[in-house]
């Protein structure tokens, strides 16, 4: 797969990194070793950007490097899932509180519009669309804080959890999207207690389900 013109506007490493993240999260490389040679040939680039992209994924905790074999997808441990969900809860509850206290009515209206967006369940790319909408919804709330560190931290948490959230989303979709609507409604009413409860309860519910996968 040669890089397109738009992709070449990014560095080769960045483009490969983005596509590898998508492929890993979409279970393209589920159980087999990923090699530099394979990535290099697939993207028609030298081994240097392929190696750089794979090493970045190792640094992010997404891959493990196995000497003389290649790279394997790293599965999150029970403890890591627990800590990531706890961290997510702290970040999101803080973002929700800030938004309720300081966001404008028009900004909260946009959150409500996102919460009520529909996805066609018959679309073959349905689950990727679901993940994109879910991520956009939660990051849009975080962006209301205008705190780049909080936004980046929450985005990193979602990247680490994405594979697990996609698996869970296939059996928990209705609950997740309904939570978006409930949370947006509580935020529009500026009901901090209810919004906190919805956010914390949903993350706790998802966390318990992730332990089952």
N, C-alpha and C. Protein backbone atom coordinates (compact mmCIF):
# COMPACT_ATOMS: atom_id res chain seq x y z
N UNK A 1 0.85 -1.20 0.00
CA UNK A 1 0.00 0.00 0.00
C UNK A 1 0.88 1.24 0.00
N UNK A 2 0.98 1.92 -1.12
CA UNK A 2 1.78 3.13 -1.21
C UNK A 2 1.08 4.28 -0.50
N UNK A 3 1.85 5.21 0.06
CA UNK A 3 1.27 6.36 0.75
C UNK A 3 0.64 7.30 -0.27
N UNK A 4 -0.52 7.86 0.08
CA UNK A 4 -1.20 8.79 -0.81
C UNK A 4 -0.58 10.17 -0.68
N UNK A 5 -1.01 11.09 -1.57
CA UNK A 5 -0.49 12.45 -1.54
C UNK A 5 -0.78 13.13 -0.22
N UNK A 6 -2.02 12.99 0.29
CA UNK A 6 -2.36 13.61 1.57
C UNK A 6 -1.54 13.04 2.71
N UNK A 7 -1.31 11.72 2.65
CA UNK A 7 -0.52 11.08 3.70
C UNK A 7 0.91 11.55 3.68
N UNK A 8 1.43 11.88 2.48
CA UNK A 8 2.81 12.32 2.38
C UNK A 8 3.02 13.70 3.00
N UNK A 9 1.92 14.43 3.24
CA UNK A 9 2.05 15.70 3.92
C UNK A 9 2.49 15.49 5.38
N UNK A 10 2.16 14.32 5.92
CA UNK A 10 2.69 13.91 7.21
C UNK A 10 4.02 13.20 6.96
N UNK A 11 4.80 13.01 8.01
CA UNK A 11 6.01 12.21 7.83
C UNK A 11 5.60 10.76 7.60
N UNK A 12 6.48 9.99 6.98
CA UNK A 12 6.18 8.58 6.73
C UNK A 12 5.93 7.86 8.05
N UNK A 13 6.71 8.19 9.07
CA UNK A 13 6.55 7.55 10.37
C UNK A 13 5.17 7.83 10.95
N UNK A 14 4.73 9.09 10.89
CA UNK A 14 3.43 9.47 11.45
C UNK A 14 2.29 8.76 10.73
N UNK A 15 2.41 8.68 9.40
CA UNK A 15 1.37 8.03 8.60
C UNK A 15 1.29 6.55 8.92
N UNK A 16 2.44 5.89 8.98
CA UNK A 16 2.48 4.46 9.31
C UNK A 16 1.94 4.22 10.70
N UNK A 17 2.34 5.09 11.63
CA UNK A 17 1.90 4.97 13.03
C UNK A 17 0.38 5.05 13.13
N UNK A 18 -0.21 6.00 12.44
CA UNK A 18 -1.67 6.16 12.48
C UNK A 18 -2.37 4.94 11.90
N UNK A 19 -1.86 4.44 10.76
CA UNK A 19 -2.50 3.29 10.13
C UNK A 19 -2.31 2.02 10.95
N UNK A 20 -1.12 1.86 11.54
CA UNK A 20 -0.88 0.69 12.38
C UNK A 20 -1.81 0.67 13.59
N UNK A 21 -2.01 1.85 14.20
CA UNK A 21 -2.93 1.92 15.34
C UNK A 21 -4.32 1.45 14.91
N UNK A 22 -4.79 1.93 13.75
CA UNK A 22 -6.11 1.53 13.26
C UNK A 22 -6.16 0.03 12.98
N UNK A 23 -5.11 -0.49 12.33
CA UNK A 23 -5.09 -1.91 12.00
C UNK A 23 -5.07 -2.78 13.25
N UNK A 24 -4.27 -2.37 14.23
CA UNK A 24 -4.20 -3.13 15.49
C UNK A 24 -5.55 -3.11 16.19
N UNK A 25 -6.16 -1.93 16.25
CA UNK A 25 -7.45 -1.81 16.92
C UNK A 25 -8.57 -2.52 16.17
N UNK A 26 -8.38 -2.72 14.87
CA UNK A 26 -9.38 -3.43 14.06
C UNK A 26 -9.04 -4.90 13.89
N UNK A 27 -8.08 -5.38 14.70
CA UNK A 27 -7.76 -6.81 14.79
C UNK A 27 -7.15 -7.38 13.51
N UNK A 28 -6.49 -6.52 12.72
CA UNK A 28 -5.79 -7.00 11.52
C UNK A 28 -4.59 -7.84 11.93
N UNK A 29 -3.90 -7.41 12.98
CA UNK A 29 -2.71 -8.13 13.47
C UNK A 29 -3.02 -8.76 14.83
N UNK A 30 -4.01 -9.61 14.89
CA UNK A 30 -4.49 -10.02 16.20
C UNK A 30 -3.53 -10.93 16.96
N UNK A 31 -3.06 -12.00 16.36
CA UNK A 31 -2.29 -12.99 17.12
C UNK A 31 -0.89 -13.25 16.56
N UNK A 32 -0.56 -12.68 15.40
CA UNK A 32 0.74 -13.02 14.83
C UNK A 32 1.75 -11.90 15.02
N UNK A 33 3.02 -12.25 14.84
CA UNK A 33 4.09 -11.27 14.98
C UNK A 33 4.04 -10.25 13.83
N UNK A 34 4.30 -9.00 14.17
CA UNK A 34 4.44 -7.94 13.17
C UNK A 34 5.93 -7.69 13.00
N UNK A 35 6.42 -7.64 11.78
CA UNK A 35 7.85 -7.44 11.55
C UNK A 35 8.09 -6.12 10.83
N UNK A 36 9.31 -5.61 10.98
CA UNK A 36 9.70 -4.39 10.26
C UNK A 36 9.62 -4.61 8.76
N UNK A 37 10.04 -5.78 8.30
CA UNK A 37 10.02 -6.08 6.86
C UNK A 37 8.59 -6.06 6.33
N UNK A 38 7.66 -6.63 7.09
CA UNK A 38 6.25 -6.68 6.68
C UNK A 38 5.67 -5.27 6.58
N UNK A 39 5.93 -4.44 7.58
CA UNK A 39 5.41 -3.07 7.59
C UNK A 39 6.04 -2.26 6.47
N UNK A 40 7.35 -2.42 6.29
CA UNK A 40 8.08 -1.71 5.25
C UNK A 40 7.53 -2.05 3.87
N UNK A 41 7.30 -3.33 3.61
CA UNK A 41 6.77 -3.76 2.31
C UNK A 41 5.33 -3.29 2.11
N UNK A 42 4.54 -3.35 3.17
CA UNK A 42 3.12 -2.97 3.07
C UNK A 42 2.95 -1.50 2.70
N UNK A 43 3.79 -0.65 3.30
CA UNK A 43 3.67 0.80 3.05
C UNK A 43 4.65 1.30 1.98
N UNK A 44 5.45 0.38 1.45
CA UNK A 44 6.42 0.71 0.40
C UNK A 44 7.35 1.85 0.84
N UNK A 45 7.93 1.66 2.02
CA UNK A 45 8.89 2.62 2.57
C UNK A 45 10.11 1.83 3.04
N UNK A 46 11.16 2.57 3.42
CA UNK A 46 12.34 1.90 3.96
C UNK A 46 12.03 1.37 5.36
N UNK A 47 12.97 0.62 5.91
CA UNK A 47 12.73 0.04 7.23
C UNK A 47 12.81 1.09 8.35
N UNK A 48 13.46 2.22 8.09
CA UNK A 48 13.64 3.21 9.16
C UNK A 48 12.32 3.75 9.69
N UNK A 49 11.42 4.30 8.83
CA UNK A 49 10.14 4.76 9.37
C UNK A 49 9.28 3.63 9.93
N UNK A 50 9.39 2.44 9.34
CA UNK A 50 8.65 1.29 9.87
C UNK A 50 9.12 0.98 11.29
N UNK A 51 10.45 0.97 11.49
CA UNK A 51 11.01 0.70 12.82
C UNK A 51 10.62 1.78 13.81
N UNK A 52 10.67 3.04 13.37
CA UNK A 52 10.33 4.15 14.26
C UNK A 52 8.87 4.06 14.71
N UNK A 53 7.98 3.73 13.79
CA UNK A 53 6.56 3.62 14.13
C UNK A 53 6.33 2.47 15.11
N UNK A 54 6.95 1.33 14.85
CA UNK A 54 6.79 0.17 15.73
C UNK A 54 7.37 0.45 17.12
N UNK A 55 8.52 1.14 17.18
CA UNK A 55 9.11 1.47 18.48
C UNK A 55 8.24 2.45 19.25
N UNK A 56 7.59 3.39 18.54
CA UNK A 56 6.68 4.32 19.21
C UNK A 56 5.51 3.56 19.84
N UNK A 57 4.99 2.57 19.13
CA UNK A 57 3.89 1.77 19.68
C UNK A 57 4.36 0.95 20.89
N UNK A 58 5.62 0.57 20.91
CA UNK A 58 6.17 -0.10 22.09
C UNK A 58 6.22 0.88 23.27
N UNK A 59 6.66 2.11 23.01
CA UNK A 59 6.74 3.13 24.06
C UNK A 59 5.35 3.46 24.61
N UNK A 60 4.33 3.38 23.76
CA UNK A 60 2.96 3.65 24.19
C UNK A 60 2.33 2.46 24.91
N UNK A 61 3.06 1.35 24.95
CA UNK A 61 2.53 0.18 25.63
C UNK A 61 1.57 -0.65 24.80
N UNK A 62 1.52 -0.40 23.50
CA UNK A 62 0.59 -1.11 22.63
C UNK A 62 1.22 -2.40 22.08
N UNK A 63 2.54 -2.37 21.84
CA UNK A 63 3.27 -3.53 21.35
C UNK A 63 4.39 -3.93 22.32
N UNK A 64 4.77 -5.19 22.26
CA UNK A 64 5.97 -5.69 22.92
C UNK A 64 6.93 -6.16 21.84
N UNK A 65 8.22 -5.80 21.98
CA UNK A 65 9.22 -6.24 21.01
C UNK A 65 9.83 -7.55 21.49
N UNK A 66 9.79 -8.57 20.63
CA UNK A 66 10.36 -9.87 20.94
C UNK A 66 11.61 -10.05 20.08
N UNK A 67 12.80 -10.10 20.68
CA UNK A 67 14.05 -10.18 19.90
C UNK A 67 14.03 -11.33 18.88
N UNK A 68 14.47 -11.00 17.66
CA UNK A 68 14.62 -11.93 16.54
C UNK A 68 13.29 -12.51 16.04
N UNK A 69 12.18 -12.00 16.55
CA UNK A 69 10.87 -12.49 16.09
C UNK A 69 10.00 -11.37 15.53
N UNK A 70 9.95 -10.27 16.23
CA UNK A 70 9.11 -9.17 15.78
C UNK A 70 8.39 -8.52 16.96
N UNK A 71 7.17 -8.07 16.69
CA UNK A 71 6.39 -7.31 17.68
C UNK A 71 5.04 -7.99 17.89
N UNK A 72 4.64 -8.09 19.14
CA UNK A 72 3.33 -8.66 19.47
C UNK A 72 2.46 -7.61 20.14
N UNK A 73 1.15 -7.69 19.88
CA UNK A 73 0.22 -6.79 20.54
C UNK A 73 0.18 -7.12 22.02
N UNK A 74 0.32 -6.09 22.82
CA UNK A 74 0.38 -6.27 24.27
C UNK A 74 -1.03 -6.15 24.86
N UNK A 75 -1.46 -7.20 25.51
CA UNK A 75 -2.78 -7.19 26.13
C UNK A 75 -2.69 -6.55 27.52
N UNK A 76 -3.67 -5.72 27.83
CA UNK A 76 -3.68 -5.04 29.12
C UNK A 76 -3.96 -6.05 30.24
N UNK A 77 -3.23 -5.90 31.33
CA UNK A 77 -3.46 -6.75 32.49
C UNK A 77 -4.67 -6.25 33.27
N UNK A 78 -5.13 -7.05 34.19
CA UNK A 78 -6.25 -6.66 35.07
C UNK A 78 -5.93 -5.36 35.79
N UNK A 79 -4.72 -5.27 36.32
CA UNK A 79 -4.30 -4.08 37.06
C UNK A 79 -4.26 -2.85 36.15
N UNK A 80 -3.76 -3.01 34.92
CA UNK A 80 -3.69 -1.88 33.99
C UNK A 80 -5.09 -1.40 33.60
N UNK A 81 -6.01 -2.34 33.34
CA UNK A 81 -7.39 -1.96 33.04
C UNK A 81 -7.99 -1.17 34.19
N UNK A 82 -7.76 -1.66 35.40
CA UNK A 82 -8.30 -1.00 36.59
C UNK A 82 -7.77 0.42 36.73
N UNK A 83 -6.45 0.57 36.55
CA UNK A 83 -5.84 1.89 36.72
C UNK A 83 -6.24 2.85 35.59
N UNK A 84 -6.33 2.35 34.37
CA UNK A 84 -6.74 3.21 33.25
C UNK A 84 -8.19 3.69 33.42
N UNK A 85 -9.06 2.80 33.86
CA UNK A 85 -10.46 3.19 34.07
C UNK A 85 -10.57 4.18 35.23
N UNK A 86 -9.78 3.98 36.27
CA UNK A 86 -9.78 4.92 37.39
C UNK A 86 -9.28 6.29 36.93
N UNK A 87 -8.22 6.30 36.15
CA UNK A 87 -7.65 7.55 35.62
C UNK A 87 -8.67 8.24 34.71
N UNK A 88 -9.32 7.44 33.86
CA UNK A 88 -10.34 8.00 32.97
C UNK A 88 -11.46 8.65 33.78
N UNK A 89 -11.90 8.00 34.84
CA UNK A 89 -12.97 8.54 35.67
C UNK A 89 -12.58 9.88 36.29
N UNK A 90 -11.35 9.97 36.78
CA UNK A 90 -10.87 11.23 37.37
C UNK A 90 -10.87 12.34 36.32
N UNK A 91 -10.34 12.03 35.13
CA UNK A 91 -10.26 13.03 34.07
C UNK A 91 -11.64 13.47 33.60
N UNK A 92 -12.51 12.50 33.34
CA UNK A 92 -13.82 12.84 32.78
C UNK A 92 -14.72 13.54 33.80
N UNK A 93 -14.68 13.11 35.04
CA UNK A 93 -15.50 13.79 36.05
C UNK A 93 -15.03 15.23 36.22
N UNK A 94 -13.73 15.44 36.16
CA UNK A 94 -13.19 16.79 36.25
C UNK A 94 -13.62 17.64 35.07
N UNK A 95 -13.57 17.05 33.86
CA UNK A 95 -13.95 17.79 32.65
C UNK A 95 -15.43 18.14 32.67
N UNK A 96 -16.27 17.19 33.11
CA UNK A 96 -17.71 17.43 33.19
C UNK A 96 -18.02 18.55 34.18
N UNK A 97 -17.35 18.52 35.32
CA UNK A 97 -17.58 19.57 36.33
C UNK A 97 -17.19 20.94 35.78
N UNK A 98 -16.05 21.02 35.13
CA UNK A 98 -15.59 22.29 34.56
C UNK A 98 -16.60 22.80 33.53
N UNK A 99 -17.06 21.89 32.66
CA UNK A 99 -17.99 22.29 31.60
C UNK A 99 -19.30 22.82 32.19
N UNK A 100 -19.81 22.15 33.21
CA UNK A 100 -21.06 22.58 33.83
C UNK A 100 -20.90 23.95 34.46
N UNK A 101 -19.75 24.19 35.05
CA UNK A 101 -19.53 25.46 35.74
C UNK A 101 -19.23 26.62 34.78
N UNK A 102 -18.52 26.33 33.69
CA UNK A 102 -17.97 27.44 32.90
C UNK A 102 -18.36 27.45 31.42
N UNK A 103 -18.83 26.35 30.87
CA UNK A 103 -19.15 26.33 29.43
C UNK A 103 -20.40 27.16 29.16
N UNK A 104 -20.48 27.70 27.95
CA UNK A 104 -21.65 28.48 27.56
C UNK A 104 -22.80 27.53 27.20
N UNK A 105 -24.02 28.08 27.13
CA UNK A 105 -25.17 27.28 26.74
C UNK A 105 -24.99 26.72 25.33
N UNK A 106 -24.43 27.51 24.43
CA UNK A 106 -24.24 27.05 23.05
C UNK A 106 -23.23 25.91 22.99
N UNK A 107 -22.21 25.96 23.83
CA UNK A 107 -21.24 24.86 23.87
C UNK A 107 -21.89 23.58 24.38
N UNK A 108 -22.75 23.69 25.37
CA UNK A 108 -23.44 22.51 25.89
C UNK A 108 -24.48 22.00 24.89
N UNK A 109 -25.05 22.90 24.08
CA UNK A 109 -25.96 22.46 23.02
C UNK A 109 -25.23 21.58 22.00
N UNK A 110 -23.99 21.92 21.70
CA UNK A 110 -23.20 21.13 20.74
C UNK A 110 -22.91 19.73 21.30
N UNK A 111 -22.70 19.65 22.61
CA UNK A 111 -22.50 18.33 23.25
C UNK A 111 -23.78 17.50 23.11
N UNK A 112 -24.92 18.15 23.29
CA UNK A 112 -26.21 17.47 23.15
C UNK A 112 -26.42 16.98 21.72
N UNK A 113 -26.03 17.79 20.74
CA UNK A 113 -26.16 17.39 19.33
C UNK A 113 -25.31 16.15 19.05
N UNK A 114 -24.11 16.12 19.58
CA UNK A 114 -23.24 14.95 19.41
C UNK A 114 -23.87 13.71 20.04
N UNK A 115 -24.43 13.89 21.23
CA UNK A 115 -25.02 12.76 21.95
C UNK A 115 -26.17 12.14 21.18
N UNK A 116 -26.85 12.94 20.38
CA UNK A 116 -28.04 12.45 19.67
C UNK A 116 -27.76 12.04 18.23
N UNK A 117 -26.49 12.03 17.84
CA UNK A 117 -26.15 11.56 16.49
C UNK A 117 -26.42 10.07 16.37
N UNK A 118 -26.87 9.66 15.20
CA UNK A 118 -27.19 8.26 14.94
C UNK A 118 -26.16 7.64 14.00
N UNK A 119 -25.99 6.32 14.12
CA UNK A 119 -25.11 5.57 13.24
C UNK A 119 -25.93 4.46 12.61
N UNK A 120 -25.70 4.22 11.33
CA UNK A 120 -26.42 3.16 10.62
C UNK A 120 -25.85 1.79 11.02
N UNK A 121 -26.62 0.95 11.72
CA UNK A 121 -26.10 -0.35 12.16
C UNK A 121 -25.79 -1.31 11.02
N UNK A 122 -26.30 -1.01 9.82
CA UNK A 122 -26.04 -1.88 8.66
C UNK A 122 -24.77 -1.49 7.90
N UNK A 123 -24.16 -0.38 8.30
CA UNK A 123 -22.92 0.06 7.65
C UNK A 123 -21.80 -0.91 8.01
N UNK A 124 -21.06 -1.42 7.03
CA UNK A 124 -19.97 -2.38 7.32
C UNK A 124 -18.88 -1.79 8.22
N UNK A 125 -18.80 -0.46 8.23
CA UNK A 125 -17.79 0.20 9.08
C UNK A 125 -18.42 0.71 10.38
N UNK A 126 -19.51 0.09 10.77
CA UNK A 126 -20.31 0.57 11.89
C UNK A 126 -19.51 0.73 13.18
N UNK A 127 -18.71 -0.28 13.54
CA UNK A 127 -18.04 -0.24 14.84
C UNK A 127 -16.92 0.80 14.87
N UNK A 128 -16.26 1.01 13.74
CA UNK A 128 -15.27 2.10 13.69
C UNK A 128 -15.96 3.45 13.82
N UNK A 129 -17.13 3.58 13.19
CA UNK A 129 -17.89 4.82 13.31
C UNK A 129 -18.35 5.04 14.75
N UNK A 130 -18.76 3.95 15.39
CA UNK A 130 -19.17 4.04 16.80
C UNK A 130 -18.00 4.52 17.66
N UNK A 131 -16.83 3.91 17.44
CA UNK A 131 -15.67 4.33 18.24
C UNK A 131 -15.35 5.80 17.99
N UNK A 132 -15.39 6.21 16.73
CA UNK A 132 -15.07 7.61 16.40
C UNK A 132 -16.06 8.56 17.07
N UNK A 133 -17.35 8.21 17.03
CA UNK A 133 -18.37 9.06 17.66
C UNK A 133 -18.19 9.08 19.18
N UNK A 134 -17.93 7.92 19.76
CA UNK A 134 -17.73 7.84 21.21
C UNK A 134 -16.54 8.69 21.64
N UNK A 135 -15.44 8.58 20.89
CA UNK A 135 -14.24 9.36 21.21
C UNK A 135 -14.50 10.85 21.04
N UNK A 136 -15.16 11.22 19.95
CA UNK A 136 -15.47 12.63 19.70
C UNK A 136 -16.33 13.22 20.82
N UNK A 137 -17.32 12.45 21.25
CA UNK A 137 -18.21 12.93 22.32
C UNK A 137 -17.43 13.23 23.60
N UNK A 138 -16.62 12.27 24.04
CA UNK A 138 -15.91 12.44 25.31
C UNK A 138 -14.81 13.50 25.21
N UNK A 139 -14.11 13.54 24.07
CA UNK A 139 -13.06 14.55 23.92
C UNK A 139 -13.65 15.95 23.75
N UNK A 140 -14.85 16.04 23.18
CA UNK A 140 -15.50 17.35 23.04
C UNK A 140 -15.81 17.95 24.40
N UNK A 141 -16.21 17.10 25.34
CA UNK A 141 -16.42 17.58 26.71
C UNK A 141 -15.09 18.02 27.31
N UNK A 142 -14.06 17.22 27.11
CA UNK A 142 -12.73 17.57 27.64
C UNK A 142 -12.22 18.88 27.06
N UNK A 143 -12.49 19.11 25.77
CA UNK A 143 -12.00 20.33 25.11
C UNK A 143 -12.66 21.60 25.65
N UNK A 144 -13.80 21.45 26.28
CA UNK A 144 -14.45 22.61 26.89
C UNK A 144 -13.60 23.19 28.04
N UNK A 145 -12.71 22.37 28.59
CA UNK A 145 -11.83 22.86 29.66
C UNK A 145 -10.71 23.73 29.09
N UNK A 146 -10.41 23.56 27.78
CA UNK A 146 -9.31 24.26 27.11
C UNK A 146 -7.97 23.95 27.77
N UNK A 147 -7.90 22.80 28.44
CA UNK A 147 -6.67 22.36 29.11
C UNK A 147 -6.01 21.29 28.24
N UNK A 148 -4.93 21.64 27.57
CA UNK A 148 -4.31 20.73 26.60
C UNK A 148 -3.77 19.47 27.27
N UNK A 149 -3.36 19.58 28.53
CA UNK A 149 -2.82 18.41 29.23
C UNK A 149 -3.93 17.41 29.55
N UNK A 150 -5.07 17.91 29.98
CA UNK A 150 -6.19 17.03 30.27
C UNK A 150 -6.69 16.36 28.99
N UNK A 151 -6.81 17.14 27.91
CA UNK A 151 -7.29 16.59 26.64
C UNK A 151 -6.35 15.50 26.13
N UNK A 152 -5.05 15.78 26.17
CA UNK A 152 -4.06 14.81 25.71
C UNK A 152 -4.08 13.54 26.57
N UNK A 153 -4.20 13.72 27.88
CA UNK A 153 -4.21 12.57 28.79
C UNK A 153 -5.42 11.68 28.52
N UNK A 154 -6.59 12.30 28.31
CA UNK A 154 -7.79 11.51 28.07
C UNK A 154 -7.72 10.80 26.72
N UNK A 155 -7.17 11.48 25.71
CA UNK A 155 -7.02 10.85 24.40
C UNK A 155 -6.09 9.64 24.49
N UNK A 156 -5.03 9.75 25.27
CA UNK A 156 -4.10 8.63 25.45
C UNK A 156 -4.78 7.46 26.14
N UNK A 157 -5.63 7.74 27.12
CA UNK A 157 -6.37 6.67 27.80
C UNK A 157 -7.26 5.93 26.81
N UNK A 158 -7.97 6.67 25.97
CA UNK A 158 -8.84 6.04 24.98
C UNK A 158 -8.02 5.22 23.97
N UNK A 159 -6.85 5.71 23.59
CA UNK A 159 -5.99 4.94 22.68
C UNK A 159 -5.57 3.62 23.31
N UNK A 160 -5.23 3.66 24.60
CA UNK A 160 -4.82 2.43 25.28
C UNK A 160 -5.97 1.45 25.43
N UNK A 161 -7.18 1.98 25.60
CA UNK A 161 -8.34 1.12 25.85
C UNK A 161 -9.10 0.76 24.57
N UNK A 162 -8.69 1.30 23.42
CA UNK A 162 -9.54 1.23 22.24
C UNK A 162 -9.92 -0.19 21.84
N UNK A 163 -8.97 -1.11 21.79
CA UNK A 163 -9.29 -2.48 21.39
C UNK A 163 -10.34 -3.08 22.32
N UNK A 164 -10.15 -2.87 23.62
CA UNK A 164 -11.08 -3.44 24.59
C UNK A 164 -12.45 -2.76 24.50
N UNK A 165 -12.45 -1.45 24.26
CA UNK A 165 -13.72 -0.74 24.14
C UNK A 165 -14.48 -1.15 22.89
N UNK A 166 -13.75 -1.45 21.80
CA UNK A 166 -14.41 -1.91 20.58
C UNK A 166 -15.06 -3.27 20.79
N UNK A 167 -14.36 -4.16 21.50
CA UNK A 167 -14.93 -5.48 21.79
C UNK A 167 -16.19 -5.32 22.63
N UNK A 168 -16.09 -4.49 23.68
CA UNK A 168 -17.23 -4.30 24.56
C UNK A 168 -18.37 -3.59 23.84
N UNK A 169 -18.01 -2.64 22.96
CA UNK A 169 -19.04 -1.87 22.28
C UNK A 169 -19.95 -2.72 21.42
N UNK A 170 -19.45 -3.85 20.97
CA UNK A 170 -20.27 -4.72 20.10
C UNK A 170 -21.42 -5.35 20.87
N UNK A 171 -21.28 -5.44 22.19
CA UNK A 171 -22.37 -6.02 22.99
C UNK A 171 -22.99 -5.01 23.95
N UNK A 172 -22.44 -3.81 23.97
CA UNK A 172 -22.88 -2.81 24.95
C UNK A 172 -23.17 -1.47 24.29
N UNK A 173 -23.48 -1.51 23.00
CA UNK A 173 -23.62 -0.28 22.23
C UNK A 173 -24.78 0.58 22.71
N UNK A 174 -25.94 -0.03 22.89
CA UNK A 174 -27.13 0.74 23.26
C UNK A 174 -26.93 1.46 24.58
N UNK A 175 -26.34 0.78 25.56
CA UNK A 175 -26.09 1.40 26.86
C UNK A 175 -25.17 2.59 26.74
N UNK A 176 -24.11 2.45 25.94
CA UNK A 176 -23.12 3.51 25.78
C UNK A 176 -23.72 4.76 25.15
N UNK A 177 -24.47 4.58 24.06
CA UNK A 177 -25.06 5.73 23.38
C UNK A 177 -26.16 6.38 24.21
N UNK A 178 -26.90 5.57 24.96
CA UNK A 178 -27.92 6.12 25.85
C UNK A 178 -27.29 6.96 26.95
N UNK A 179 -26.11 6.52 27.43
CA UNK A 179 -25.40 7.29 28.44
C UNK A 179 -25.01 8.66 27.93
N UNK A 180 -24.62 8.74 26.64
CA UNK A 180 -24.28 10.03 26.05
C UNK A 180 -25.47 11.00 26.16
N UNK A 181 -26.66 10.49 25.83
CA UNK A 181 -27.86 11.33 25.86
C UNK A 181 -28.18 11.77 27.29
N UNK A 182 -28.08 10.84 28.23
CA UNK A 182 -28.35 11.17 29.64
C UNK A 182 -27.36 12.20 30.17
N UNK A 183 -26.08 12.00 29.85
CA UNK A 183 -25.05 12.91 30.34
C UNK A 183 -25.23 14.30 29.75
N UNK A 184 -25.48 14.37 28.44
CA UNK A 184 -25.66 15.67 27.80
C UNK A 184 -26.85 16.41 28.40
N UNK A 185 -27.92 15.67 28.71
CA UNK A 185 -29.11 16.29 29.31
C UNK A 185 -28.80 16.84 30.70
N UNK A 186 -28.07 16.08 31.50
CA UNK A 186 -27.69 16.54 32.84
C UNK A 186 -26.80 17.76 32.77
N UNK A 187 -25.89 17.78 31.78
CA UNK A 187 -25.00 18.93 31.63
C UNK A 187 -25.78 20.17 31.21
N UNK A 188 -26.75 20.00 30.31
CA UNK A 188 -27.56 21.15 29.87
C UNK A 188 -28.34 21.74 31.05
N UNK A 189 -28.78 20.87 31.98
CA UNK A 189 -29.48 21.35 33.17
C UNK A 189 -28.50 21.88 34.22
N UNK A 190 -27.21 21.69 33.93
CA UNK A 190 -26.12 22.06 34.87
C UNK A 190 -26.33 21.38 36.22
N UNK A 191 -26.73 20.12 36.12
CA UNK A 191 -26.93 19.28 37.31
C UNK A 191 -25.63 18.51 37.56
N UNK A 192 -24.75 19.08 38.36
CA UNK A 192 -23.43 18.52 38.57
C UNK A 192 -23.49 17.14 39.23
N UNK A 193 -24.35 16.99 40.22
CA UNK A 193 -24.43 15.72 40.94
C UNK A 193 -24.86 14.59 40.00
N UNK A 194 -25.90 14.85 39.21
CA UNK A 194 -26.37 13.81 38.29
C UNK A 194 -25.33 13.52 37.21
N UNK A 195 -24.69 14.54 36.67
CA UNK A 195 -23.68 14.35 35.62
C UNK A 195 -22.49 13.56 36.14
N UNK A 196 -22.06 13.87 37.38
CA UNK A 196 -20.97 13.10 37.99
C UNK A 196 -21.36 11.64 38.15
N UNK A 197 -22.58 11.41 38.61
CA UNK A 197 -23.03 10.04 38.85
C UNK A 197 -23.10 9.25 37.55
N UNK A 198 -23.65 9.86 36.50
CA UNK A 198 -23.75 9.18 35.19
C UNK A 198 -22.36 8.83 34.67
N UNK A 199 -21.43 9.80 34.74
CA UNK A 199 -20.07 9.58 34.24
C UNK A 199 -19.38 8.46 35.00
N UNK A 200 -19.40 8.55 36.34
CA UNK A 200 -18.70 7.55 37.15
C UNK A 200 -19.34 6.18 37.03
N UNK A 201 -20.67 6.12 37.02
CA UNK A 201 -21.37 4.84 36.92
C UNK A 201 -21.11 4.16 35.58
N UNK A 202 -21.08 4.94 34.49
CA UNK A 202 -20.84 4.36 33.18
C UNK A 202 -19.43 3.79 33.08
N UNK A 203 -18.44 4.53 33.55
CA UNK A 203 -17.06 4.05 33.49
C UNK A 203 -16.91 2.80 34.37
N UNK A 204 -17.55 2.81 35.53
CA UNK A 204 -17.50 1.63 36.42
C UNK A 204 -18.16 0.43 35.75
N UNK A 205 -19.28 0.67 35.05
CA UNK A 205 -19.98 -0.41 34.34
C UNK A 205 -19.11 -0.99 33.23
N UNK A 206 -18.48 -0.11 32.45
CA UNK A 206 -17.60 -0.55 31.36
C UNK A 206 -16.40 -1.31 31.93
N UNK A 207 -15.83 -0.79 33.01
CA UNK A 207 -14.67 -1.45 33.62
C UNK A 207 -15.00 -2.88 34.00
N UNK A 208 -16.13 -3.10 34.63
CA UNK A 208 -16.51 -4.45 35.06
C UNK A 208 -16.70 -5.35 33.85
N UNK A 209 -17.26 -4.81 32.76
CA UNK A 209 -17.46 -5.61 31.55
C UNK A 209 -16.11 -5.96 30.89
N UNK A 210 -15.15 -5.03 30.94
CA UNK A 210 -13.86 -5.28 30.31
C UNK A 210 -13.14 -6.44 30.97
N UNK A 211 -13.37 -6.65 32.25
CA UNK A 211 -12.73 -7.77 32.95
C UNK A 211 -13.17 -9.11 32.40
N UNK A 212 -14.33 -9.13 31.73
CA UNK A 212 -14.88 -10.38 31.23
C UNK A 212 -14.29 -10.80 29.90
N UNK A 213 -13.60 -9.87 29.20
CA UNK A 213 -13.11 -10.17 27.84
C UNK A 213 -11.75 -10.86 27.89
